[in-house]
């Protein structure tokens, strides 16, 4: 029995829980981020591997059951976070998505960098 593919984890888009896969359609930077979020929320083994790739080495498919995947959440003065993975008390992973060869702007990273020093948080840039 595949224990890593179970009930889907909560998936949030614009800070609202999604109710349909059709909310994830599109072909731009956001749409690709939505698709990644969708896959992460549906496959715990993939989610655990993605988190481990981001240097959280102790994460396994068996301990991501309380994870939340947030997409395009507006965090007021910090701006919009493309993708955020939260496991309360364990980790916070923020991913800034980019299409092309570009990197995130300094103003996109700085507000989160200040928080990173105070918590167990990592940031990454996902490029296509």
N, C-alpha and C. Protein backbone atom coordinates (compact mmCIF):
# COMPACT_ATOMS: atom_id res chain seq x y z
N UNK A 1 0.83 -1.19 0.00
CA UNK A 1 0.00 0.00 0.00
C UNK A 1 0.87 1.25 0.00
N UNK A 2 0.57 2.21 -0.83
CA UNK A 2 1.29 3.47 -0.88
C UNK A 2 0.83 4.37 0.25
N UNK A 3 1.66 4.53 1.26
CA UNK A 3 1.26 5.35 2.40
C UNK A 3 1.60 6.82 2.21
N UNK A 4 2.42 7.14 1.19
CA UNK A 4 2.78 8.54 0.98
C UNK A 4 1.74 9.29 0.15
N UNK A 5 0.84 8.59 -0.52
CA UNK A 5 -0.24 9.24 -1.26
C UNK A 5 -1.53 8.97 -0.50
N UNK A 6 -1.92 9.95 0.29
CA UNK A 6 -3.11 9.83 1.14
C UNK A 6 -4.04 10.98 0.83
N UNK A 7 -4.83 11.30 1.79
CA UNK A 7 -5.71 12.45 1.68
C UNK A 7 -4.86 13.70 1.41
N UNK A 8 -5.32 14.54 0.50
CA UNK A 8 -4.57 15.74 0.15
C UNK A 8 -4.45 16.68 1.32
N UNK A 9 -3.31 17.36 1.39
CA UNK A 9 -3.10 18.38 2.41
C UNK A 9 -3.79 19.66 1.97
N UNK A 10 -4.09 20.56 2.90
CA UNK A 10 -4.74 21.83 2.52
C UNK A 10 -3.87 22.62 1.55
N UNK A 11 -4.46 23.13 0.50
CA UNK A 11 -3.77 23.94 -0.50
C UNK A 11 -4.48 25.29 -0.56
N UNK A 12 -3.73 26.36 -0.37
CA UNK A 12 -4.28 27.71 -0.32
C UNK A 12 -3.79 28.52 -1.51
N UNK A 13 -4.69 29.25 -2.16
CA UNK A 13 -4.38 30.14 -3.26
C UNK A 13 -4.92 31.52 -2.91
N UNK A 14 -4.06 32.52 -2.91
CA UNK A 14 -4.45 33.87 -2.48
C UNK A 14 -5.09 33.84 -1.09
N UNK A 15 -4.51 33.01 -0.23
CA UNK A 15 -4.93 32.87 1.15
C UNK A 15 -6.33 32.27 1.32
N UNK A 16 -6.82 31.59 0.29
CA UNK A 16 -8.10 30.88 0.37
C UNK A 16 -7.87 29.43 0.00
N UNK A 17 -8.48 28.55 0.76
CA UNK A 17 -8.34 27.12 0.48
C UNK A 17 -8.95 26.81 -0.88
N UNK A 18 -8.23 26.07 -1.70
CA UNK A 18 -8.74 25.72 -3.03
C UNK A 18 -9.78 24.61 -2.91
N UNK A 19 -10.73 24.62 -3.82
CA UNK A 19 -11.77 23.60 -3.82
C UNK A 19 -11.77 22.80 -5.12
N UNK A 20 -10.98 23.24 -6.10
CA UNK A 20 -10.98 22.58 -7.40
C UNK A 20 -9.62 22.74 -8.07
N UNK A 21 -9.21 21.71 -8.78
CA UNK A 21 -7.96 21.79 -9.54
C UNK A 21 -8.04 22.84 -10.64
N UNK A 22 -9.22 23.19 -11.08
CA UNK A 22 -9.38 24.17 -12.16
C UNK A 22 -8.94 25.57 -11.75
N UNK A 23 -8.83 25.81 -10.45
CA UNK A 23 -8.34 27.10 -9.98
C UNK A 23 -6.85 27.27 -10.28
N UNK A 24 -6.20 26.22 -10.68
CA UNK A 24 -4.76 26.24 -10.88
C UNK A 24 -4.34 26.42 -12.34
N UNK A 25 -5.28 26.64 -13.23
CA UNK A 25 -4.96 26.75 -14.66
C UNK A 25 -4.19 28.02 -14.99
N UNK A 26 -3.39 27.93 -16.01
CA UNK A 26 -2.63 29.08 -16.48
C UNK A 26 -1.30 28.62 -17.03
N UNK A 27 -0.55 29.56 -17.60
CA UNK A 27 0.75 29.18 -18.18
C UNK A 27 1.85 30.19 -17.86
N UNK A 28 1.63 31.02 -16.88
CA UNK A 28 2.65 32.00 -16.51
C UNK A 28 3.37 31.53 -15.25
N UNK A 29 4.20 32.40 -14.72
CA UNK A 29 4.97 32.09 -13.50
C UNK A 29 4.06 31.63 -12.36
N UNK A 30 2.96 32.32 -12.17
CA UNK A 30 2.04 31.95 -11.11
C UNK A 30 1.42 30.58 -11.35
N UNK A 31 1.02 30.32 -12.58
CA UNK A 31 0.39 29.03 -12.90
C UNK A 31 1.34 27.87 -12.63
N UNK A 32 2.61 28.05 -12.98
CA UNK A 32 3.58 26.99 -12.73
C UNK A 32 3.80 26.79 -11.23
N UNK A 33 3.77 27.87 -10.48
CA UNK A 33 3.88 27.77 -9.03
C UNK A 33 2.65 27.07 -8.46
N UNK A 34 1.48 27.37 -8.99
CA UNK A 34 0.25 26.72 -8.54
C UNK A 34 0.34 25.21 -8.79
N UNK A 35 0.84 24.84 -9.97
CA UNK A 35 0.95 23.42 -10.31
C UNK A 35 1.91 22.71 -9.35
N UNK A 36 3.02 23.36 -9.03
CA UNK A 36 3.96 22.78 -8.07
C UNK A 36 3.28 22.62 -6.71
N UNK A 37 2.59 23.66 -6.26
CA UNK A 37 1.88 23.58 -4.99
C UNK A 37 0.87 22.45 -4.97
N UNK A 38 0.18 22.29 -6.07
CA UNK A 38 -0.81 21.21 -6.20
C UNK A 38 -0.13 19.85 -6.05
N UNK A 39 0.98 19.66 -6.75
CA UNK A 39 1.70 18.39 -6.67
C UNK A 39 2.23 18.15 -5.25
N UNK A 40 2.78 19.19 -4.64
CA UNK A 40 3.29 19.06 -3.27
C UNK A 40 2.18 18.68 -2.29
N UNK A 41 0.99 19.21 -2.50
CA UNK A 41 -0.11 18.94 -1.57
C UNK A 41 -0.73 17.56 -1.78
N UNK A 42 -0.48 16.94 -2.93
CA UNK A 42 -1.09 15.64 -3.22
C UNK A 42 -0.15 14.46 -3.04
N UNK A 43 1.14 14.69 -2.94
CA UNK A 43 2.08 13.58 -2.84
C UNK A 43 3.09 13.87 -1.72
N UNK A 44 2.89 13.23 -0.60
CA UNK A 44 3.74 13.50 0.57
C UNK A 44 5.18 13.07 0.35
N UNK A 45 5.40 12.03 -0.43
CA UNK A 45 6.77 11.61 -0.72
C UNK A 45 7.48 12.70 -1.53
N UNK A 46 6.79 13.26 -2.51
CA UNK A 46 7.36 14.35 -3.31
C UNK A 46 7.59 15.59 -2.44
N UNK A 47 6.62 15.91 -1.58
CA UNK A 47 6.76 17.04 -0.67
C UNK A 47 7.99 16.87 0.22
N UNK A 48 8.14 15.69 0.81
CA UNK A 48 9.30 15.43 1.68
C UNK A 48 10.61 15.55 0.90
N UNK A 49 10.64 15.01 -0.32
CA UNK A 49 11.86 15.10 -1.14
C UNK A 49 12.17 16.56 -1.49
N UNK A 50 11.16 17.34 -1.82
CA UNK A 50 11.33 18.76 -2.15
C UNK A 50 11.90 19.50 -0.94
N UNK A 51 11.33 19.25 0.23
CA UNK A 51 11.79 19.92 1.45
C UNK A 51 13.24 19.52 1.77
N UNK A 52 13.55 18.23 1.62
CA UNK A 52 14.93 17.78 1.88
C UNK A 52 15.90 18.42 0.89
N UNK A 53 15.48 18.57 -0.35
CA UNK A 53 16.33 19.22 -1.37
C UNK A 53 16.64 20.67 -0.96
N UNK A 54 15.74 21.26 -0.19
CA UNK A 54 15.93 22.63 0.31
C UNK A 54 16.67 22.66 1.64
N UNK A 55 17.36 21.57 1.95
CA UNK A 55 18.28 21.48 3.10
C UNK A 55 17.62 21.26 4.46
N UNK A 56 16.36 20.85 4.49
CA UNK A 56 15.74 20.39 5.74
C UNK A 56 15.91 18.86 5.74
N UNK A 57 17.03 18.39 6.20
CA UNK A 57 17.41 16.98 6.05
C UNK A 57 16.57 15.99 6.85
N UNK A 58 15.96 16.41 7.95
CA UNK A 58 15.26 15.46 8.82
C UNK A 58 13.82 15.18 8.38
N UNK A 59 13.36 15.81 7.30
CA UNK A 59 11.98 15.65 6.87
C UNK A 59 11.81 14.38 6.03
N UNK A 60 10.78 13.60 6.37
CA UNK A 60 10.46 12.38 5.63
C UNK A 60 8.97 12.39 5.30
N UNK A 61 8.56 11.52 4.40
CA UNK A 61 7.15 11.46 4.00
C UNK A 61 6.24 11.19 5.19
N UNK A 62 6.76 10.53 6.19
CA UNK A 62 5.94 10.19 7.36
C UNK A 62 5.73 11.38 8.30
N UNK A 63 6.52 12.44 8.19
CA UNK A 63 6.35 13.56 9.12
C UNK A 63 5.97 14.87 8.43
N UNK A 64 5.34 14.79 7.26
CA UNK A 64 4.84 16.00 6.59
C UNK A 64 3.31 16.08 6.65
N UNK A 65 2.70 15.23 7.42
CA UNK A 65 1.24 15.17 7.49
C UNK A 65 0.56 16.42 8.01
N UNK A 66 1.29 17.26 8.70
CA UNK A 66 0.71 18.51 9.22
C UNK A 66 1.15 19.71 8.40
N UNK A 67 1.74 19.48 7.26
CA UNK A 67 2.21 20.58 6.42
C UNK A 67 1.03 21.32 5.80
N UNK A 68 1.25 22.60 5.55
CA UNK A 68 0.31 23.43 4.79
C UNK A 68 1.09 24.04 3.64
N UNK A 69 0.46 24.09 2.48
CA UNK A 69 1.06 24.70 1.30
C UNK A 69 0.27 25.98 1.02
N UNK A 70 0.94 27.11 1.00
CA UNK A 70 0.29 28.39 0.73
C UNK A 70 0.83 28.96 -0.58
N UNK A 71 -0.07 29.43 -1.43
CA UNK A 71 0.30 30.03 -2.71
C UNK A 71 -0.19 31.47 -2.77
N UNK A 72 0.67 32.34 -3.27
CA UNK A 72 0.31 33.74 -3.53
C UNK A 72 -0.33 34.42 -2.32
N UNK A 73 0.23 34.21 -1.16
CA UNK A 73 -0.31 34.82 0.05
C UNK A 73 0.26 36.23 0.19
N UNK A 74 -0.63 37.20 0.35
CA UNK A 74 -0.21 38.58 0.55
C UNK A 74 0.10 38.78 2.03
N UNK A 75 1.35 39.09 2.32
CA UNK A 75 1.78 39.27 3.70
C UNK A 75 2.05 40.75 3.98
N UNK A 76 1.13 41.59 3.55
CA UNK A 76 1.15 43.04 3.79
C UNK A 76 2.50 43.65 3.44
N UNK A 77 3.24 44.13 4.44
CA UNK A 77 4.48 44.85 4.18
C UNK A 77 5.56 43.96 3.56
N UNK A 78 5.40 42.66 3.64
CA UNK A 78 6.39 41.75 3.07
C UNK A 78 6.09 41.43 1.61
N UNK A 79 4.93 41.79 1.13
CA UNK A 79 4.56 41.51 -0.25
C UNK A 79 3.91 40.15 -0.40
N UNK A 80 3.85 39.69 -1.62
CA UNK A 80 3.22 38.41 -1.95
C UNK A 80 4.27 37.31 -1.95
N UNK A 81 3.98 36.24 -1.24
CA UNK A 81 4.85 35.07 -1.21
C UNK A 81 4.34 34.08 -2.24
N UNK A 82 5.19 33.70 -3.20
CA UNK A 82 4.77 32.78 -4.26
C UNK A 82 4.36 31.42 -3.70
N UNK A 83 5.23 30.81 -2.92
CA UNK A 83 4.96 29.48 -2.37
C UNK A 83 5.56 29.42 -0.97
N UNK A 84 4.77 28.95 -0.04
CA UNK A 84 5.26 28.80 1.33
C UNK A 84 4.80 27.45 1.85
N UNK A 85 5.74 26.71 2.44
CA UNK A 85 5.44 25.43 3.07
C UNK A 85 5.65 25.61 4.56
N UNK A 86 4.60 25.30 5.33
CA UNK A 86 4.66 25.44 6.78
C UNK A 86 4.39 24.10 7.44
N UNK A 87 5.22 23.77 8.41
CA UNK A 87 4.91 22.70 9.36
C UNK A 87 5.11 23.36 10.71
N UNK A 88 4.01 23.66 11.36
CA UNK A 88 4.06 24.44 12.60
C UNK A 88 5.05 23.84 13.59
N UNK A 89 5.94 24.71 14.08
CA UNK A 89 6.94 24.30 15.05
C UNK A 89 8.13 23.58 14.47
N UNK A 90 8.09 23.28 13.16
CA UNK A 90 9.19 22.54 12.54
C UNK A 90 9.90 23.31 11.44
N UNK A 91 9.12 23.91 10.53
CA UNK A 91 9.78 24.60 9.43
C UNK A 91 8.87 25.60 8.75
N UNK A 92 9.52 26.55 8.10
CA UNK A 92 8.86 27.50 7.21
C UNK A 92 9.79 27.63 6.01
N UNK A 93 9.29 27.30 4.84
CA UNK A 93 10.07 27.37 3.61
C UNK A 93 9.35 28.32 2.65
N UNK A 94 10.03 29.37 2.23
CA UNK A 94 9.48 30.35 1.29
C UNK A 94 10.21 30.20 -0.03
N UNK A 95 9.44 30.07 -1.12
CA UNK A 95 10.01 29.91 -2.45
C UNK A 95 9.53 31.05 -3.33
N UNK A 96 10.44 31.75 -3.97
CA UNK A 96 10.14 32.80 -4.94
C UNK A 96 10.34 32.20 -6.32
N UNK A 97 9.30 32.19 -7.13
CA UNK A 97 9.36 31.60 -8.46
C UNK A 97 9.72 32.65 -9.50
N UNK A 98 10.52 32.26 -10.47
CA UNK A 98 10.92 33.15 -11.56
C UNK A 98 10.96 32.37 -12.87
N UNK A 99 10.45 32.99 -13.94
CA UNK A 99 10.58 32.43 -15.27
C UNK A 99 11.68 33.22 -15.98
N UNK A 100 12.53 32.50 -16.69
CA UNK A 100 13.66 33.15 -17.33
C UNK A 100 14.87 33.05 -16.42
N UNK A 101 15.87 33.83 -16.70
CA UNK A 101 17.11 33.75 -15.94
C UNK A 101 17.18 34.68 -14.76
N UNK A 102 16.10 35.38 -14.46
CA UNK A 102 16.15 36.39 -13.42
C UNK A 102 16.15 35.84 -12.02
N UNK A 103 16.59 36.68 -11.11
CA UNK A 103 16.57 36.37 -9.69
C UNK A 103 15.58 37.30 -9.01
N UNK A 104 15.13 36.94 -7.82
CA UNK A 104 14.21 37.83 -7.10
C UNK A 104 14.85 39.19 -6.84
N UNK A 105 14.03 40.21 -6.82
CA UNK A 105 14.49 41.55 -6.48
C UNK A 105 14.81 41.61 -4.98
N UNK A 106 15.72 42.48 -4.62
CA UNK A 106 16.10 42.63 -3.21
C UNK A 106 14.89 42.93 -2.34
N UNK A 107 13.97 43.77 -2.84
CA UNK A 107 12.79 44.11 -2.04
C UNK A 107 11.84 42.92 -1.86
N UNK A 108 11.99 41.87 -2.67
CA UNK A 108 11.18 40.67 -2.49
C UNK A 108 11.77 39.76 -1.40
N UNK A 109 13.06 39.85 -1.18
CA UNK A 109 13.75 38.94 -0.27
C UNK A 109 13.98 39.56 1.11
N UNK A 110 14.33 40.84 1.15
CA UNK A 110 14.71 41.49 2.42
C UNK A 110 13.72 41.30 3.56
N UNK A 111 12.41 41.52 3.35
CA UNK A 111 11.49 41.36 4.50
C UNK A 111 11.53 39.96 5.10
N UNK A 112 11.74 38.96 4.27
CA UNK A 112 11.77 37.58 4.75
C UNK A 112 13.12 37.26 5.38
N UNK A 113 14.18 37.88 4.88
CA UNK A 113 15.51 37.63 5.42
C UNK A 113 15.59 38.08 6.88
N UNK A 114 14.92 39.15 7.22
CA UNK A 114 14.90 39.60 8.61
C UNK A 114 14.23 38.56 9.51
N UNK A 115 13.12 37.97 9.04
CA UNK A 115 12.43 36.94 9.81
C UNK A 115 13.26 35.66 9.92
N UNK A 116 14.00 35.36 8.86
CA UNK A 116 14.78 34.13 8.79
C UNK A 116 15.77 34.03 9.95
N UNK A 117 16.34 35.15 10.31
CA UNK A 117 17.32 35.15 11.40
C UNK A 117 16.69 34.78 12.74
N UNK A 118 15.40 34.98 12.87
CA UNK A 118 14.71 34.74 14.14
C UNK A 118 14.05 33.36 14.22
N UNK A 119 13.86 32.69 13.09
CA UNK A 119 13.15 31.41 13.07
C UNK A 119 13.90 30.39 12.24
N UNK A 120 13.43 29.16 12.34
CA UNK A 120 13.97 28.09 11.49
C UNK A 120 13.26 28.19 10.14
N UNK A 121 13.81 29.00 9.27
CA UNK A 121 13.17 29.28 8.00
C UNK A 121 14.23 29.26 6.91
N UNK A 122 13.85 28.80 5.74
CA UNK A 122 14.74 28.83 4.58
C UNK A 122 13.99 29.50 3.44
N UNK A 123 14.78 30.09 2.55
CA UNK A 123 14.22 30.72 1.35
C UNK A 123 14.92 30.13 0.14
N UNK A 124 14.20 30.06 -0.96
CA UNK A 124 14.80 29.57 -2.19
C UNK A 124 14.18 30.26 -3.38
N UNK A 125 14.83 30.11 -4.50
CA UNK A 125 14.34 30.67 -5.76
C UNK A 125 14.16 29.52 -6.74
N UNK A 126 12.97 29.38 -7.28
CA UNK A 126 12.68 28.34 -8.25
C UNK A 126 12.64 29.00 -9.63
N UNK A 127 13.52 28.54 -10.52
CA UNK A 127 13.60 29.15 -11.85
C UNK A 127 13.24 28.13 -12.92
N UNK A 128 12.65 28.64 -13.99
CA UNK A 128 12.36 27.81 -15.16
C UNK A 128 13.30 28.21 -16.25
